[in-house]
Amino acid sequence: MIRVGINFAIPWLLLLGILFSPMSRSQPQDKVEEYNLKAALVYNFARFSQWPENSFSSADTPVALCVQGDQSLIKSFGLLAKKTLFGRPVSIVVAETLVNPESCNVIFVTGVQRQGLPRLFAAVADQPILTIGEMNGFTDIGGMILFTTVHERLKFSVNLENTEAGGISLSSRLLKLAHVIEGQETQR
């Protein structure tokens, strides 16, 4: 019999609950809840990712989680600044345009930031930076994880070619929950 420790089981149960709960997009409050949910998922994506050993300059270097979007996202993502990843503090940067995206370990790009993607992906190409977005075609042009909504439920796709190019490994348990893309695939 395999025993699963409570510290391991709780994040997975939360992740499963989040992914299979209905989500509505009709009201402003629902948008706040949607980004609270996405912030929790971004954190868990990072938790179940592995970076190359040289990704952090020292043992206490924070994990830099950068959000490219408007300032309204500070409330949702700001709560993550109280957390740790791999024994490291989490630092949060929210900006409409990321000035130094190569200094991030995780980047979440909102759907309204499409025009800046070519510059962003040029700056972080082949670097160990987990990129997560929510607009159609995100994983076709270099993104690693794409949020989608199907029947009012939040889902995600992972482009393995892009994660491998960046040197990031994702947990097989995380991949079991994802729609896995190998190469380019136009999202609907």
Protein backbone atom coordinates (compact mmCIF):
# COMPACT_ATOMS: atom_id res chain seq x y z
CA MET A 1 0.00 0.00 0.00
CA ILE A 2 1.30 3.42 -0.93
CA ARG A 3 0.86 6.19 1.62
CA VAL A 4 0.71 9.78 0.53
CA GLY A 5 1.74 12.44 3.02
CA ILE A 6 -0.70 15.22 3.80
CA ASN A 7 1.77 17.86 2.55
CA PHE A 8 1.81 16.17 -0.85
CA ALA A 9 -1.90 15.33 -1.11
CA ILE A 10 -3.39 18.73 -0.24
CA PRO A 11 -1.93 20.69 -3.21
CA TRP A 12 -3.01 17.97 -5.63
CA LEU A 13 -6.52 17.84 -4.21
CA LEU A 14 -6.75 21.63 -4.44
CA LEU A 15 -5.45 21.58 -8.01
CA LEU A 16 -7.98 18.92 -9.02
CA GLY A 17 -10.80 20.79 -7.30
CA ILE A 18 -9.84 24.02 -9.03
CA LEU A 19 -9.64 22.43 -12.46
CA PHE A 20 -12.97 20.67 -12.24
CA SER A 21 -15.02 23.43 -10.64
CA PRO A 22 -17.27 25.56 -12.85
CA MET A 23 -16.14 29.08 -13.64
CA SER A 24 -18.31 31.93 -14.88
CA ARG A 25 -16.97 34.98 -16.70
CA SER A 26 -20.04 37.19 -16.62
CA GLN A 27 -19.39 39.65 -13.75
CA PRO A 28 -16.42 41.73 -12.54
CA GLN A 29 -16.32 39.75 -9.27
CA ASP A 30 -16.09 36.59 -11.35
CA LYS A 31 -13.04 38.06 -13.11
CA VAL A 32 -11.37 38.62 -9.73
CA GLU A 33 -12.17 35.04 -8.73
CA GLU A 34 -10.87 33.82 -12.07
CA TYR A 35 -7.50 35.51 -11.50
CA ASN A 36 -7.36 34.29 -7.90
CA LEU A 37 -7.79 30.81 -9.32
CA LYS A 38 -5.18 31.37 -12.02
CA ALA A 39 -2.73 32.76 -9.46
CA ALA A 40 -3.11 29.58 -7.39
CA LEU A 41 -2.60 27.45 -10.49
CA VAL A 42 0.47 29.45 -11.61
CA TYR A 43 1.97 28.85 -8.17
CA ASN A 44 1.23 25.12 -8.39
CA PHE A 45 2.61 24.91 -11.94
CA ALA A 46 5.84 26.35 -10.58
CA ARG A 47 5.75 23.95 -7.62
CA PHE A 48 5.58 20.98 -9.94
CA SER A 49 8.30 22.23 -12.29
CA GLN A 50 12.01 21.66 -12.12
CA TRP A 51 14.57 24.24 -13.23
CA PRO A 52 18.19 23.54 -14.22
CA GLU A 53 20.61 23.76 -11.28
CA ASN A 54 22.16 27.04 -12.44
CA SER A 55 18.81 28.89 -12.62
CA PHE A 56 19.32 30.58 -9.26
CA SER A 57 22.46 32.46 -8.27
CA SER A 58 22.36 31.32 -4.63
CA ALA A 59 20.38 29.10 -2.26
CA ASP A 60 18.32 32.03 -0.97
CA THR A 61 17.63 33.76 -4.29
CA PRO A 62 13.86 34.34 -4.53
CA VAL A 63 11.71 32.72 -7.20
CA ALA A 64 10.69 35.69 -9.37
CA LEU A 65 7.07 35.36 -10.48
CA CYS A 66 6.32 38.08 -13.04
CA VAL A 67 2.86 39.01 -14.29
CA GLN A 68 2.50 40.97 -17.51
CA GLY A 69 -0.86 42.68 -17.19
CA ASP A 70 -2.56 45.59 -15.51
CA GLN A 71 -2.26 46.55 -11.86
CA SER A 72 -5.63 44.96 -10.98
CA LEU A 73 -3.79 41.63 -10.85
CA ILE A 74 -1.70 42.68 -7.84
CA LYS A 75 -4.44 41.58 -5.43
CA SER A 76 -4.69 38.08 -6.92
CA PHE A 77 -0.98 37.45 -7.39
CA GLY A 78 0.25 39.50 -4.44
CA LEU A 79 -0.88 36.82 -2.01
CA LEU A 80 1.78 34.53 -3.46
CA ALA A 81 4.52 36.81 -2.07
CA LYS A 82 3.88 35.24 1.35
CA LYS A 83 4.66 31.78 0.01
CA THR A 84 7.86 29.88 -0.71
CA LEU A 85 8.91 27.59 -3.54
CA PHE A 86 11.71 25.08 -3.07
CA GLY A 87 12.57 26.75 0.24
CA ARG A 88 12.97 30.12 -1.48
CA PRO A 89 10.81 33.21 -0.99
CA VAL A 90 8.55 34.21 -3.89
CA SER A 91 8.87 37.74 -5.27
CA ILE A 92 6.04 39.18 -7.36
CA VAL A 93 6.34 41.73 -10.17
CA VAL A 94 3.19 43.00 -11.90
CA ALA A 95 3.66 45.34 -14.86
CA GLU A 96 1.95 46.12 -18.14
CA THR A 97 5.30 45.55 -19.86
CA LEU A 98 8.07 43.54 -18.24
CA VAL A 99 11.27 45.57 -18.54
CA ASN A 100 13.64 42.66 -17.72
CA PRO A 101 11.72 39.45 -18.43
CA GLU A 102 14.96 37.45 -18.39
CA SER A 103 15.17 38.12 -14.62
CA CYS A 104 11.94 36.17 -14.04
CA ASN A 105 11.62 32.46 -13.27
CA VAL A 106 7.89 32.34 -14.05
CA ILE A 107 5.98 34.70 -16.36
CA PHE A 108 2.18 34.88 -16.59
CA VAL A 109 0.85 36.92 -19.52
CA THR A 110 -2.77 38.08 -19.57
CA GLY A 111 -4.89 37.90 -22.69
CA VAL A 112 -4.69 41.62 -23.38
CA GLN A 113 -0.90 41.58 -23.76
CA ARG A 114 -0.69 39.84 -27.16
CA GLN A 115 1.18 42.65 -28.98
CA GLY A 116 4.20 42.36 -26.67
CA LEU A 117 4.66 38.61 -27.07
CA PRO A 118 7.25 38.60 -29.89
CA ARG A 119 9.55 40.87 -27.84
CA LEU A 120 8.94 38.85 -24.68
CA PHE A 121 9.69 35.50 -26.32
CA ALA A 122 12.79 36.91 -28.04
CA ALA A 123 14.09 38.05 -24.64
CA VAL A 124 13.51 34.71 -22.90
CA ALA A 125 14.17 32.29 -25.78
CA ASP A 126 15.81 29.03 -24.63
CA GLN A 127 16.07 30.28 -21.03
CA PRO A 128 14.66 28.39 -18.02
CA ILE A 129 11.65 30.66 -17.59
CA LEU A 130 8.22 29.04 -17.23
CA THR A 131 5.84 31.00 -19.47
CA ILE A 132 2.09 30.82 -18.91
CA GLY A 133 -0.60 32.65 -20.88
CA GLU A 134 -4.29 32.77 -21.63
CA MET A 135 -4.62 33.82 -25.27
CA ASN A 136 -5.20 31.61 -28.30
CA GLY A 137 -1.99 30.59 -30.04
CA PHE A 138 0.20 31.29 -26.97
CA THR A 139 1.92 27.90 -27.07
CA ASP A 140 2.31 28.08 -30.87
CA ILE A 141 4.59 31.11 -30.63
CA GLY A 142 6.77 30.04 -27.70
CA GLY A 143 4.61 29.83 -24.56
CA MET A 144 4.79 26.74 -22.36
CA ILE A 145 1.40 26.56 -20.60
CA LEU A 146 -1.93 27.89 -21.90
CA PHE A 147 -5.08 28.43 -19.83
CA THR A 148 -8.34 27.76 -21.67
CA THR A 149 -11.98 27.65 -20.61
CA VAL A 150 -14.06 24.72 -21.81
CA HIS A 151 -17.73 24.53 -20.78
CA GLU A 152 -17.05 27.13 -18.05
CA ARG A 153 -14.21 25.02 -16.62
CA LEU A 154 -10.61 26.14 -16.49
CA LYS A 155 -8.25 23.78 -18.33
CA PHE A 156 -4.63 24.01 -19.42
CA SER A 157 -2.42 22.81 -22.23
CA VAL A 158 1.34 22.24 -22.07
CA ASN A 159 3.70 22.52 -25.03
CA LEU A 160 6.47 20.01 -24.27
CA GLU A 161 8.72 21.24 -27.07
CA ASN A 162 8.76 24.73 -25.55
CA THR A 163 9.34 23.52 -21.97
CA GLU A 164 12.21 21.32 -23.11
CA ALA A 165 13.76 24.19 -25.12
CA GLY A 166 13.75 26.24 -21.92
CA GLY A 167 15.26 23.42 -19.89
CA ILE A 168 12.23 23.10 -17.60
CA SER A 169 10.85 19.71 -16.61
CA LEU A 170 7.24 19.37 -15.55
CA SER A 171 6.03 16.72 -13.12
CA SER A 172 4.39 13.72 -14.76
CA ARG A 173 1.48 14.21 -12.34
CA LEU A 174 0.97 17.73 -13.67
CA LEU A 175 1.16 16.48 -17.25
CA LYS A 176 -1.57 13.91 -16.53
CA LEU A 177 -3.96 16.80 -15.84
CA ALA A 178 -2.95 18.76 -18.95
CA HIS A 179 -3.71 18.59 -22.62
CA VAL A 180 -0.18 17.87 -23.87
CA ILE A 181 1.00 19.51 -27.09
CA GLU A 182 4.11 18.28 -28.83
CA GLY A 183 5.18 21.00 -31.26
CA GLN A 184 2.71 23.52 -32.64
CA GLU A 185 -1.04 23.16 -32.40
CA THR A 186 -3.45 26.00 -32.96
CA GLN A 187 -5.68 26.38 -29.93
CA ARG A 188 -9.34 27.13 -30.27
